[in-house]
Amino acid sequence: MDYSGKFERIEAQTLYRKLDPEQQVRVKKIAFVHYFTLQELRFFVEALIDLKLWSAGDLEAHWQHWRRQSQRQGKDFKKWAFKQLRQLLQDLKQQPTDYRLNTDTTPVYRKSPSKISLSEPHQGKLFGMCPVQSEKTLCCNLYTIDAVKNCGFGCNYCSIQTLYAESGFEIDVNFADKLEAIQLDPTQLYHIGTGQSSDALMWGNRYGILDALFQFARKWPNVILEFKTKSHHVTHFLEHDVPTNIICSWSLNPQCIIHHEEPFTASLEKRLTAARLVADKGIRLAFHFHPMLYYQGWQADYTALITRVQDQFSSQEIAFISFGALTFPKPILRKIREHGVATRIHQTELVANPEGKLTYPDKIKEALFQYAYAAFAAWHDKVFFYLCMEESRFWEKTFGHSHADNAAFEQQLLRSARYKLMTVSQRRTERETPTIKTRRRPFDTP
């Protein structure tokens, strides 16, 4: 049997070549002893990479230990050893990840894109629906506008890394002109977010991005324009006149998650400081606890974070708050393994959601959402809370209510956000002559 030729064919279909040269030699030797099939070689290599990323030992050492431990031979040993390997991985995933280990050290991160291409991007549209909008989950029907393709923050779980070339950023040189050409219905309210294909504030006002978006917001007062960020670059907001229909929002996680899984982003301290500066200027805020992660000590960490948010901000300053669990498309797993940098984002039990994306089992998601919402008890009737990209059954268990469909959810969010953006006199007029006909809830009233 000529296994050499077969190995050359199958290894090219795995991540074998992502291993360092010495590892390749050792893995090849094991593969030749046991005549690994394509599926076996793929599983072996991916498991080897995962154990390294999780700082959970060396698979080759485990394999040799199993070899010494067992009297089985040939195919019987191979079948038994792979069973041991699957159990090892399962056991590791059943243990809550401990991010508190080595928090004083700096993790090795993957490289951030560096090349900037000033051009008219050929892929995607400038203005359109949120790319994760779905009828299978309850979504807010967000529209999106982005001047930049690709993100330099490199969060380990982010789907952006599967969409664009890792070598650089694409910045639309015709961004301002394209914004000016967008035509909207002036009688309809729109919630438009920027920060879907790249962080909204990572670039500040380079290339006039923020100036163009400010002008767009002034032109269309019926737009609620949200800047979603993990940065602290708010200088342009502090030094310029900001349209009143703009919301600045921050994605928040405990610092240990930022440290290990959100490389190059601003620290929690910097994010909250930037948000406080923006709020002091009268700009409304939003916070997104997304993705929430399940790990050892998560309850204490999220409680401390939520307490801090309530201590540093008034509910009147907050337009809305969202929760969402770790969720990512399956190709992210390959990217994580290709990058080969330490992460424990996938060292957990993951299941497929209705869209086929990987996420936590229901019991974990329910615990995360219910715990976080309970911690915000003082704001329940003052701030609009929602779940992002989650099924309606999680709404019922978290908030005690849901929405009939995406359109109903969208209208509630629009009404609440619009109300928070109003002045006192505008609110008085709104109560007398409401322009959006949706049912009221406690968070719609001052």
Protein backbone atom coordinates (compact mmCIF):
# COMPACT_ATOMS: atom_id res chain seq x y z
CA MET A 1 0.00 0.00 0.00
CA ASP A 2 1.53 3.33 -1.08
CA TYR A 3 0.47 5.56 1.80
CA SER A 4 3.01 8.27 0.85
CA GLY A 5 1.01 9.34 -2.17
CA LYS A 6 -2.25 9.23 -0.24
CA PHE A 7 -0.81 11.32 2.60
CA GLU A 8 0.30 14.03 0.20
CA ARG A 9 -3.20 14.21 -1.20
CA ILE A 10 -5.04 14.33 2.11
CA GLU A 11 -2.72 16.58 4.12
CA ALA A 12 -3.33 19.41 1.66
CA GLN A 13 -7.01 19.31 2.64
CA THR A 14 -6.25 19.84 6.33
CA LEU A 15 -4.44 22.42 8.48
CA TYR A 16 -1.33 20.22 8.53
CA ARG A 17 0.76 22.88 6.81
CA LYS A 18 -0.16 25.38 9.54
CA LEU A 19 1.91 23.32 11.98
CA ASP A 20 5.54 24.22 12.50
CA PRO A 21 8.05 22.03 10.58
CA GLU A 22 9.00 19.90 13.58
CA GLN A 23 5.36 19.20 14.39
CA GLN A 24 4.71 18.25 10.80
CA VAL A 25 7.44 15.63 10.97
CA ARG A 26 6.07 14.11 14.19
CA VAL A 27 2.44 14.15 13.03
CA LYS A 28 3.43 12.60 9.71
CA LYS A 29 5.22 9.79 11.55
CA ILE A 30 2.11 9.01 13.63
CA ALA A 31 -0.10 9.20 10.54
CA PHE A 32 2.12 6.72 8.68
CA VAL A 33 2.09 4.26 11.58
CA HIS A 34 -1.73 4.25 11.74
CA TYR A 35 -2.59 5.03 8.10
CA PHE A 36 -4.79 8.00 8.97
CA THR A 37 -7.68 8.71 6.65
CA LEU A 38 -8.50 12.26 5.60
CA GLN A 39 -11.08 12.65 8.36
CA GLU A 40 -8.75 11.19 10.97
CA LEU A 41 -5.82 13.39 9.97
CA ARG A 42 -8.05 16.49 9.93
CA PHE A 43 -9.44 15.70 13.37
CA PHE A 44 -5.99 14.91 14.78
CA VAL A 45 -4.43 18.14 13.49
CA GLU A 46 -7.33 20.32 14.62
CA ALA A 47 -7.29 18.72 18.06
CA LEU A 48 -3.53 19.26 18.31
CA ILE A 49 -3.98 22.96 17.47
CA ASP A 50 -6.91 23.38 19.87
CA LEU A 51 -5.04 21.88 22.81
CA LYS A 52 -2.18 24.26 22.17
CA LEU A 53 -4.50 27.28 21.90
CA TRP A 54 -6.17 26.28 25.16
CA SER A 55 -2.83 25.66 26.94
CA ALA A 56 -4.20 22.20 27.65
CA GLY A 57 -1.23 19.98 26.91
CA ASP A 58 0.43 18.31 23.94
CA LEU A 59 -1.61 15.87 21.86
CA GLU A 60 1.48 13.96 20.75
CA ALA A 61 2.36 13.32 24.39
CA HIS A 62 -1.20 12.16 25.09
CA TRP A 63 -1.04 9.83 22.08
CA GLN A 64 2.21 8.26 23.21
CA HIS A 65 0.79 7.84 26.72
CA TRP A 66 -2.23 6.04 25.31
CA ARG A 67 0.11 3.87 23.25
CA ARG A 68 1.99 2.79 26.39
CA GLN A 69 -1.22 2.37 28.37
CA SER A 70 -3.03 0.08 25.94
CA GLN A 71 -2.30 -3.42 24.72
CA ARG A 72 -4.44 -2.85 21.63
CA GLN A 73 -2.81 -3.03 18.22
CA GLY A 74 -3.47 -1.77 14.71
CA LYS A 75 -6.96 -0.54 13.92
CA ASP A 76 -8.21 -1.49 17.37
CA PHE A 77 -5.73 0.86 19.00
CA LYS A 78 -6.44 3.66 16.53
CA LYS A 79 -10.18 3.42 17.14
CA TRP A 80 -9.68 3.37 20.92
CA ALA A 81 -7.16 6.25 20.89
CA PHE A 82 -9.47 8.50 18.88
CA LYS A 83 -12.21 7.70 21.40
CA GLN A 84 -9.86 8.81 24.17
CA LEU A 85 -9.10 11.99 22.24
CA ARG A 86 -12.77 12.84 21.77
CA GLN A 87 -13.37 12.31 25.48
CA LEU A 88 -10.40 14.54 26.35
CA LEU A 89 -11.76 17.37 24.23
CA GLN A 90 -15.27 16.89 25.61
CA ASP A 91 -14.00 16.99 29.19
CA LEU A 92 -12.12 20.23 28.51
CA LYS A 93 -15.21 21.82 26.96
CA GLN A 94 -17.36 20.84 29.94
CA GLN A 95 -15.13 22.79 32.33
CA PRO A 96 -15.86 26.55 32.53
CA THR A 97 -12.93 28.39 31.00
CA ASP A 98 -10.71 30.09 33.57
CA TYR A 99 -9.67 33.43 32.08
CA ARG A 100 -8.18 34.53 35.40
CA LEU A 101 -5.06 32.49 34.79
CA ASN A 102 -2.05 34.57 33.70
CA THR A 103 -4.04 37.81 33.47
CA ASP A 104 -0.87 39.80 34.09
CA THR A 105 0.72 38.52 30.90
CA THR A 106 0.09 39.78 27.40
CA PRO A 107 -1.37 37.11 25.09
CA VAL A 108 0.17 36.59 21.67
CA TYR A 109 -2.32 38.06 19.21
CA ARG A 110 -2.73 37.50 15.51
CA LYS A 111 -1.44 40.24 13.25
CA SER A 112 -3.72 43.16 12.55
CA PRO A 113 -4.24 44.22 8.90
CA SER A 114 -1.85 47.00 7.96
CA LYS A 115 -2.34 47.92 4.31
CA ILE A 116 -4.81 50.72 3.54
CA SER A 117 -6.40 50.77 0.11
CA LEU A 118 -8.16 54.00 -0.86
CA SER A 119 -10.54 52.83 -3.52
CA GLU A 120 -14.16 52.16 -4.30
CA PRO A 121 -14.81 48.73 -2.79
CA HIS A 122 -16.19 46.24 -5.27
CA GLN A 123 -17.86 43.99 -2.72
CA GLY A 124 -21.05 44.78 -0.86
CA LYS A 125 -23.23 47.86 -0.73
CA LEU A 126 -22.68 51.05 1.19
CA PHE A 127 -26.24 51.09 2.52
CA GLY A 128 -28.36 48.04 3.24
CA MET A 129 -29.82 45.73 5.84
CA CYS A 130 -27.74 44.39 8.70
CA PRO A 131 -25.85 41.34 7.34
CA VAL A 132 -27.09 39.11 10.16
CA GLN A 133 -30.75 40.13 9.85
CA SER A 134 -32.94 37.03 9.83
CA GLU A 135 -36.52 35.86 10.14
CA LYS A 136 -35.31 32.85 12.14
CA THR A 137 -34.30 35.03 15.08
CA LEU A 138 -35.90 38.17 16.47
CA CYS A 139 -34.04 41.06 14.80
CA CYS A 140 -34.45 44.83 14.90
CA ASN A 141 -34.25 45.32 11.10
CA LEU A 142 -31.19 47.53 11.47
CA TYR A 143 -29.83 49.28 8.37
CA THR A 144 -26.08 49.67 8.05
CA ILE A 145 -23.65 52.14 6.52
CA ASP A 146 -19.90 51.55 6.49
CA ALA A 147 -17.06 53.48 4.90
CA VAL A 148 -14.41 50.87 5.71
CA LYS A 149 -14.18 47.16 4.99
CA ASN A 150 -12.20 45.14 7.55
CA CYS A 151 -11.41 45.73 11.20
CA GLY A 152 -8.05 46.05 12.93
CA PHE A 153 -9.25 45.12 16.39
CA GLY A 154 -9.01 41.38 15.72
CA CYS A 155 -11.56 40.00 18.19
CA ASN A 156 -11.15 36.24 18.14
CA TYR A 157 -14.86 35.54 17.71
CA CYS A 158 -15.60 38.17 15.04
CA SER A 159 -17.05 37.09 11.70
CA ILE A 160 -15.41 40.04 9.91
CA GLN A 161 -12.21 37.97 9.69
CA THR A 162 -13.97 35.59 7.29
CA LEU A 163 -15.28 38.32 4.98
CA TYR A 164 -12.26 40.36 3.90
CA ALA A 165 -8.61 39.88 3.00
CA GLU A 166 -6.42 39.82 6.08
CA SER A 167 -3.78 41.98 4.43
CA GLY A 168 -5.51 45.33 4.64
CA PHE A 169 -8.44 47.74 4.77
CA GLU A 170 -10.60 49.06 1.97
CA ILE A 171 -11.73 52.65 2.44
CA ASP A 172 -14.33 54.05 0.05
CA VAL A 173 -13.00 57.28 -1.44
CA ASN A 174 -16.48 58.17 -2.66
CA PHE A 175 -18.08 57.68 0.75
CA ALA A 176 -19.35 61.25 1.20
CA ASP A 177 -20.80 61.40 -2.31
CA LYS A 178 -22.54 58.05 -1.88
CA LEU A 179 -24.04 59.16 1.43
CA GLU A 180 -25.36 62.29 -0.25
CA ALA A 181 -26.99 60.19 -2.95
CA ILE A 182 -28.95 58.01 -0.50
CA GLN A 183 -32.67 58.78 -0.64
CA LEU A 184 -34.92 57.95 2.30
CA ASP A 185 -38.62 58.31 3.06
CA PRO A 186 -38.83 61.45 5.27
CA THR A 187 -42.02 60.16 6.90
CA GLN A 188 -40.39 56.93 8.08
CA LEU A 189 -38.06 56.42 11.02
CA TYR A 190 -34.79 54.59 10.36
CA HIS A 191 -32.30 53.01 12.72
CA ILE A 192 -28.98 52.95 10.90
CA GLY A 193 -25.79 51.57 12.41
CA THR A 194 -22.21 52.10 11.38
CA GLY A 195 -19.63 49.69 12.70
CA GLN A 196 -20.71 46.41 11.12
CA SER A 197 -17.84 45.83 8.68
CA SER A 198 -15.31 47.84 10.69
CA ASP A 199 -15.39 49.51 14.09
CA ALA A 200 -17.32 52.79 13.82
CA LEU A 201 -14.76 54.93 15.67
CA MET A 202 -11.51 53.05 15.09
CA TRP A 203 -10.56 55.53 12.37
CA GLY A 204 -11.77 58.71 14.04
CA ASN A 205 -12.35 61.31 11.31
CA ARG A 206 -9.61 60.11 8.99
CA TYR A 207 -10.59 60.60 5.36
CA GLY A 208 -13.54 62.73 6.55
CA ILE A 209 -15.60 59.69 7.58
CA LEU A 210 -17.24 61.26 10.64
CA ASP A 211 -17.82 64.61 8.94
CA ALA A 212 -19.71 62.84 6.17
CA LEU A 213 -21.81 60.84 8.64
CA PHE A 214 -22.59 63.96 10.70
CA GLN A 215 -23.80 65.69 7.56
CA PHE A 216 -25.93 62.68 6.67
CA ALA A 217 -27.55 62.77 10.13
CA ARG A 218 -28.32 66.48 9.78
CA LYS A 219 -29.86 65.95 6.36
CA TRP A 220 -32.12 63.16 7.62
CA PRO A 221 -33.50 64.02 11.09
CA ASN A 222 -35.77 60.97 10.82
CA VAL A 223 -32.67 58.75 11.07
CA ILE A 224 -31.32 57.41 14.37
CA LEU A 225 -27.66 57.00 13.50
CA GLU A 226 -25.72 54.69 15.83
CA PHE A 227 -21.93 54.52 16.05
CA LYS A 228 -20.98 51.13 17.53
CA THR A 229 -17.46 50.82 18.86
CA LYS A 230 -14.91 49.13 21.10
CA SER A 231 -12.53 52.08 20.87
CA HIS A 232 -12.07 55.28 22.85
CA HIS A 233 -11.66 57.63 19.88
CA VAL A 234 -14.27 60.28 20.68
CA THR A 235 -12.23 63.46 20.18
CA HIS A 236 -14.20 64.46 17.08
CA PHE A 237 -17.46 64.18 19.00
CA LEU A 238 -16.13 66.35 21.82
CA GLU A 239 -14.70 69.06 19.58
CA HIS A 240 -17.55 69.42 17.07
CA ASP A 241 -21.27 70.06 16.97
CA VAL A 242 -22.95 66.65 16.96
CA PRO A 243 -26.42 66.15 15.43
CA THR A 244 -29.03 65.32 18.05
CA ASN A 245 -30.13 62.13 16.27
CA ILE A 246 -26.78 60.40 16.85
CA ILE A 247 -26.19 57.64 19.42
CA CYS A 248 -22.75 56.40 20.47
CA SER A 249 -22.76 52.81 21.63
CA TRP A 250 -20.12 50.63 23.20
CA SER A 251 -19.73 46.86 23.22
CA LEU A 252 -18.86 45.89 26.78
CA ASN A 253 -17.32 42.82 28.36
CA PRO A 254 -15.39 42.25 31.57
CA GLN A 255 -11.74 43.23 31.31
CA CYS A 256 -10.51 39.63 31.43
CA ILE A 257 -12.44 38.93 28.21
CA ILE A 258 -11.16 42.10 26.58
CA HIS A 259 -7.62 41.10 27.60
CA HIS A 260 -7.79 37.59 26.17
CA GLU A 261 -10.32 37.70 23.33
CA GLU A 262 -10.57 41.31 22.07
CA PRO A 263 -7.00 42.24 21.10
CA PHE A 264 -6.14 45.83 20.13
CA THR A 265 -9.48 47.16 21.41
CA ALA A 266 -9.68 49.81 24.12
CA SER A 267 -9.68 48.59 27.71
CA LEU A 268 -12.92 48.60 29.67
CA GLU A 269 -11.66 51.62 31.59
CA LYS A 270 -11.02 53.58 28.38
CA ARG A 271 -14.37 52.61 26.86
CA LEU A 272 -16.34 53.75 29.88
CA THR A 273 -14.30 56.95 30.22
CA ALA A 274 -14.97 57.77 26.56
CA ALA A 275 -18.68 57.05 27.02
CA ARG A 276 -18.79 59.35 30.06
CA LEU A 277 -17.17 62.18 28.08
CA VAL A 278 -19.67 61.75 25.26
CA ALA A 279 -22.63 61.64 27.65
CA ASP A 280 -21.40 64.80 29.38
CA LYS A 281 -21.75 66.57 26.05
CA GLY A 282 -25.40 65.51 25.87
CA ILE A 283 -25.01 62.72 23.31
CA ARG A 284 -27.16 59.69 24.02
CA LEU A 285 -25.51 56.33 24.64
CA ALA A 286 -26.25 52.64 24.18
CA PHE A 287 -24.47 49.60 25.55
CA HIS A 288 -24.22 46.16 23.98
CA PHE A 289 -23.29 43.25 26.22
CA HIS A 290 -22.51 41.20 23.19
CA PRO A 291 -21.15 38.66 22.97
CA MET A 292 -21.65 37.58 26.54
CA LEU A 293 -19.28 34.73 27.41
CA TYR A 294 -19.72 31.81 29.77
CA TYR A 295 -16.61 31.18 31.86
CA GLN A 296 -15.46 30.62 35.42
CA GLY A 297 -16.50 33.63 37.48
CA TRP A 298 -18.77 35.18 34.85
CA GLN A 299 -21.51 36.04 37.35
CA ALA A 300 -19.23 38.13 39.56
CA ASP A 301 -17.57 39.84 36.60
CA TYR A 302 -20.79 40.80 34.82
CA THR A 303 -22.35 41.94 38.10
CA ALA A 304 -19.38 44.23 38.73
CA LEU A 305 -19.54 45.56 35.17
CA ILE A 306 -23.29 46.23 35.24
CA THR A 307 -23.03 47.87 38.66
CA ARG A 308 -20.33 50.13 37.32
CA VAL A 309 -22.43 51.13 34.33
CA GLN A 310 -25.34 52.05 36.60
CA ASP A 311 -23.05 53.99 38.93
CA GLN A 312 -21.39 56.00 36.15
CA PHE A 313 -24.41 56.73 33.98
CA SER A 314 -28.01 57.84 34.36
CA SER A 315 -30.79 55.81 32.79
CA GLN A 316 -31.88 59.01 30.98
CA GLU A 317 -28.55 58.99 29.12
CA ILE A 318 -29.10 55.47 27.76
CA ALA A 319 -31.18 54.90 24.64
CA PHE A 320 -31.11 51.10 24.82
CA ILE A 321 -29.15 48.11 26.10
CA SER A 322 -28.78 44.75 24.37
CA PHE A 323 -27.63 41.30 25.39
CA GLY A 324 -26.41 38.57 23.09
CA ALA A 325 -24.54 35.30 23.54
CA LEU A 326 -21.38 34.19 21.80
CA THR A 327 -22.46 33.28 18.25
CA PHE A 328 -20.32 32.86 15.17
CA PRO A 329 -20.39 31.06 11.80
CA LYS A 330 -18.55 27.75 11.58
CA PRO A 331 -15.79 29.08 9.27
CA ILE A 332 -14.53 31.10 12.25
CA LEU A 333 -13.21 27.87 13.76
CA ARG A 334 -10.90 27.35 10.81
CA LYS A 335 -9.72 30.96 11.01
CA ILE A 336 -8.99 30.58 14.71
CA ARG A 337 -6.91 27.49 14.05
CA GLU A 338 -5.15 29.05 11.08
CA HIS A 339 -4.11 32.06 13.13
CA GLY A 340 -2.72 29.74 15.78
CA VAL A 341 -2.78 32.30 18.61
CA ALA A 342 -3.92 31.59 22.15
CA THR A 343 -7.68 31.75 22.60
CA ARG A 344 -10.25 29.80 24.56
CA ILE A 345 -13.27 31.17 22.75
CA HIS A 346 -14.15 27.71 21.42
CA GLN A 347 -13.15 25.73 24.51
CA THR A 348 -16.79 25.27 25.40
CA GLU A 349 -19.86 23.33 24.39
CA LEU A 350 -21.29 24.83 21.20
CA VAL A 351 -24.44 23.93 19.29
CA ALA A 352 -25.98 25.11 16.02
CA ASN A 353 -28.69 27.77 16.13
CA PRO A 354 -31.53 27.96 13.54
CA GLU A 355 -29.17 29.64 11.07
CA GLY A 356 -26.46 27.02 11.49
CA LYS A 357 -24.17 29.31 13.49
CA LEU A 358 -22.39 28.05 16.58
CA THR A 359 -23.61 29.27 19.96
CA TYR A 360 -24.12 28.12 23.54
CA PRO A 361 -26.78 25.57 24.53
CA ASP A 362 -30.09 27.06 25.68
CA LYS A 363 -29.45 26.56 29.40
CA ILE A 364 -26.28 28.67 29.28
CA LYS A 365 -27.85 31.44 27.22
CA GLU A 366 -30.86 31.62 29.50
CA ALA A 367 -28.59 31.90 32.53
CA LEU A 368 -26.49 34.67 30.95
CA PHE A 369 -29.46 36.78 29.84
CA GLN A 370 -31.56 36.36 32.95
CA TYR A 371 -28.65 37.13 35.24
CA ALA A 372 -27.66 40.29 33.35
CA TYR A 373 -31.20 41.58 33.07
CA ALA A 374 -31.83 41.00 36.78
CA ALA A 375 -28.69 42.99 37.58
CA PHE A 376 -30.27 45.94 35.75
CA ALA A 377 -33.47 45.76 37.85
CA ALA A 378 -33.35 49.47 38.74
CA TRP A 379 -33.53 50.39 35.03
CA HIS A 380 -36.20 47.93 33.86
CA ASP A 381 -38.87 50.61 33.44
CA LYS A 382 -36.47 53.33 32.28
CA VAL A 383 -34.39 51.78 29.47
CA PHE A 384 -35.31 49.66 26.44
CA PHE A 385 -33.67 46.22 26.76
CA TYR A 386 -33.48 43.68 23.96
CA LEU A 387 -31.73 40.54 22.80
CA CYS A 388 -29.64 40.68 19.65
CA MET A 389 -29.99 37.85 17.12
CA GLU A 390 -31.77 35.53 19.55
CA GLU A 391 -34.94 33.48 19.20
CA SER A 392 -38.16 34.76 20.74
CA ARG A 393 -38.24 32.01 23.37
CA PHE A 394 -35.22 33.61 25.04
CA TRP A 395 -37.11 36.92 25.19
CA GLU A 396 -39.97 35.26 27.05
CA LYS A 397 -37.65 33.69 29.60
CA THR A 398 -35.56 36.84 30.03
CA PHE A 399 -38.06 39.70 29.88
CA GLY A 400 -41.37 37.91 30.28
CA HIS A 401 -42.55 39.14 26.87
CA SER A 402 -41.57 39.03 23.22
CA HIS A 403 -42.66 40.62 19.93
CA ALA A 404 -44.88 39.22 17.22
CA ASP A 405 -42.22 39.65 14.55
CA ASN A 406 -39.19 41.69 13.52
CA ALA A 407 -41.32 44.64 12.42
CA ALA A 408 -42.99 44.91 15.82
CA PHE A 409 -39.61 44.74 17.56
CA GLU A 410 -38.23 47.40 15.23
CA GLN A 411 -41.10 49.81 15.99
CA GLN A 412 -40.68 49.45 19.75
CA LEU A 413 -36.95 50.09 19.52
CA LEU A 414 -37.45 53.08 17.22
CA ARG A 415 -40.09 54.62 19.44
CA SER A 416 -38.05 54.23 22.60
CA ALA A 417 -34.80 55.49 21.05
CA ARG A 418 -36.54 58.45 19.42
CA TYR A 419 -38.12 59.39 22.73
CA LYS A 420 -34.73 59.33 24.50
CA LEU A 421 -33.30 61.65 21.84
CA MET A 422 -36.05 64.25 22.30
CA THR A 423 -35.84 67.44 24.33
CA VAL A 424 -38.41 68.06 27.07
CA SER A 425 -40.51 70.28 24.79
CA GLN A 426 -40.34 67.73 21.98
CA ARG A 427 -41.52 65.01 24.38
CA ARG A 428 -44.48 67.16 25.40
CA THR A 429 -45.45 67.59 21.77
CA GLU A 430 -44.98 63.89 21.10
CA ARG A 431 -47.35 62.95 23.93
CA GLU A 432 -49.97 65.33 22.54
CA THR A 433 -49.60 64.35 18.86
CA PRO A 434 -47.77 61.01 18.58
CA THR A 435 -46.45 60.34 15.08
CA ILE A 436 -45.64 56.65 15.47
CA LYS A 437 -48.56 54.44 16.22
CA THR A 438 -47.25 51.60 18.40
CA ARG A 439 -48.33 50.36 21.76
CA ARG A 440 -46.67 52.04 24.70
CA ARG A 441 -44.62 50.33 27.37
CA PRO A 442 -43.19 51.78 30.61
CA PHE A 443 -39.90 52.68 28.94
CA ASP A 444 -41.72 55.00 26.49
CA THR A 445 -42.63 57.44 29.25
CA PRO A 446 -40.29 59.96 30.91
